[in-house]
Amino acid sequence: VDENREIASRFRIMSIPTLLVFKDGKKVDAIIGAMPEKVLEEKLNVYK
């Protein structure tokens, strides 16, 4: 965010960490904040 404000602004990233999930070139989700690895895996498994 600090090093590339243009991209952060384009995707409206306001906090770190922010993980944007894209499918077929379109943003389908934004996962914001730190979380345990298992929780992150569960959230991402939806998009397999």
C-alpha atoms as a PDB file:
ATOM      1  CA  VAL A   1       0.000   0.000   0.000  1.00  0.00           C
ATOM      2  CA  ASP A   2       2.739   2.430   0.954  1.00  0.00           C
ATOM      3  CA  GLU A   3       4.890   1.561  -2.053  1.00  0.00           C
ATOM      4  CA  ASN A   4       2.137   1.535  -4.683  1.00  0.00           C
ATOM      5  CA  ARG A   5      -0.640   3.909  -3.718  1.00  0.00           C
ATOM      6  CA  GLU A   6      -2.152   3.865  -7.227  1.00  0.00           C
ATOM      7  CA  ILE A   7      -3.014   0.158  -7.094  1.00  0.00           C
ATOM      8  CA  ALA A   8      -4.165   0.417  -3.471  1.00  0.00           C
ATOM      9  CA  SER A   9      -6.471   3.252  -4.457  1.00  0.00           C
ATOM     10  CA  ARG A  10      -7.797   1.455  -7.537  1.00  0.00           C
ATOM     11  CA  PHE A  11      -8.837  -1.567  -5.465  1.00  0.00           C
ATOM     12  CA  ARG A  12      -9.859   0.527  -2.431  1.00  0.00           C
ATOM     13  CA  ILE A  13      -7.397  -1.168  -0.105  1.00  0.00           C
ATOM     14  CA  MET A  14      -7.536   0.623   3.229  1.00  0.00           C
ATOM     15  CA  SER A  15      -5.802  -1.813   5.573  1.00  0.00           C
ATOM     16  CA  ILE A  16      -3.061  -4.408   5.628  1.00  0.00           C
ATOM     17  CA  PRO A  17      -3.203  -7.321   5.154  1.00  0.00           C
ATOM     18  CA  THR A  18      -5.767  -7.353   2.357  1.00  0.00           C
ATOM     19  CA  LEU A  19      -6.047 -10.310  -0.003  1.00  0.00           C
ATOM     20  CA  LEU A  20      -8.053  -9.767  -3.182  1.00  0.00           C
ATOM     21  CA  VAL A  21      -9.466 -12.874  -4.841  1.00  0.00           C
ATOM     22  CA  PHE A  22      -9.931 -12.791  -8.614  1.00  0.00           C
ATOM     23  CA  LYS A  23     -11.751 -15.298 -10.797  1.00  0.00           C
ATOM     24  CA  ASP A  24     -11.775 -14.993 -14.587  1.00  0.00           C
ATOM     25  CA  GLY A  25     -10.170 -11.559 -14.248  1.00  0.00           C
ATOM     26  CA  LYS A  26     -12.878 -10.170 -11.952  1.00  0.00           C
ATOM     27  CA  LYS A  27     -12.590  -9.436  -8.246  1.00  0.00           C
ATOM     28  CA  VAL A  28     -14.878 -11.852  -6.413  1.00  0.00           C
ATOM     29  CA  ASP A  29     -13.828 -11.306  -2.807  1.00  0.00           C
ATOM     30  CA  ALA A  30     -11.651  -9.288  -0.463  1.00  0.00           C
ATOM     31  CA  ILE A  31     -10.271 -10.935   2.644  1.00  0.00           C
ATOM     32  CA  ILE A  32      -9.187  -8.297   5.130  1.00  0.00           C
ATOM     33  CA  GLY A  33      -7.134  -8.769   8.246  1.00  0.00           C
ATOM     34  CA  ALA A  34      -4.849 -11.383   9.699  1.00  0.00           C
ATOM     35  CA  MET A  35      -6.302 -14.804  10.436  1.00  0.00           C
ATOM     36  CA  PRO A  36      -5.139 -18.317  11.199  1.00  0.00           C
ATOM     37  CA  GLU A  37      -3.904 -20.323   8.215  1.00  0.00           C
ATOM     38  CA  LYS A  38      -6.768 -22.837   8.512  1.00  0.00           C
ATOM     39  CA  VAL A  39      -9.405 -20.081   8.333  1.00  0.00           C
ATOM     40  CA  LEU A  40      -7.732 -18.573   5.267  1.00  0.00           C
ATOM     41  CA  GLU A  41      -7.594 -21.996   3.589  1.00  0.00           C
ATOM     42  CA  GLU A  42     -11.320 -22.488   4.214  1.00  0.00           C
ATOM     43  CA  LYS A  43     -12.144 -19.086   2.722  1.00  0.00           C
ATOM     44  CA  LEU A  44     -10.000 -19.754  -0.364  1.00  0.00           C
ATOM     45  CA  ASN A  45     -11.266 -23.317  -0.901  1.00  0.00           C
ATOM     46  CA  VAL A  46     -14.602 -21.831  -1.950  1.00  0.00           C
ATOM     47  CA  TYR A  47     -12.926 -20.611  -5.157  1.00  0.00           C
ATOM     48  CA  LYS A  48     -11.273 -23.874  -6.257  1.00  0.00           C
END
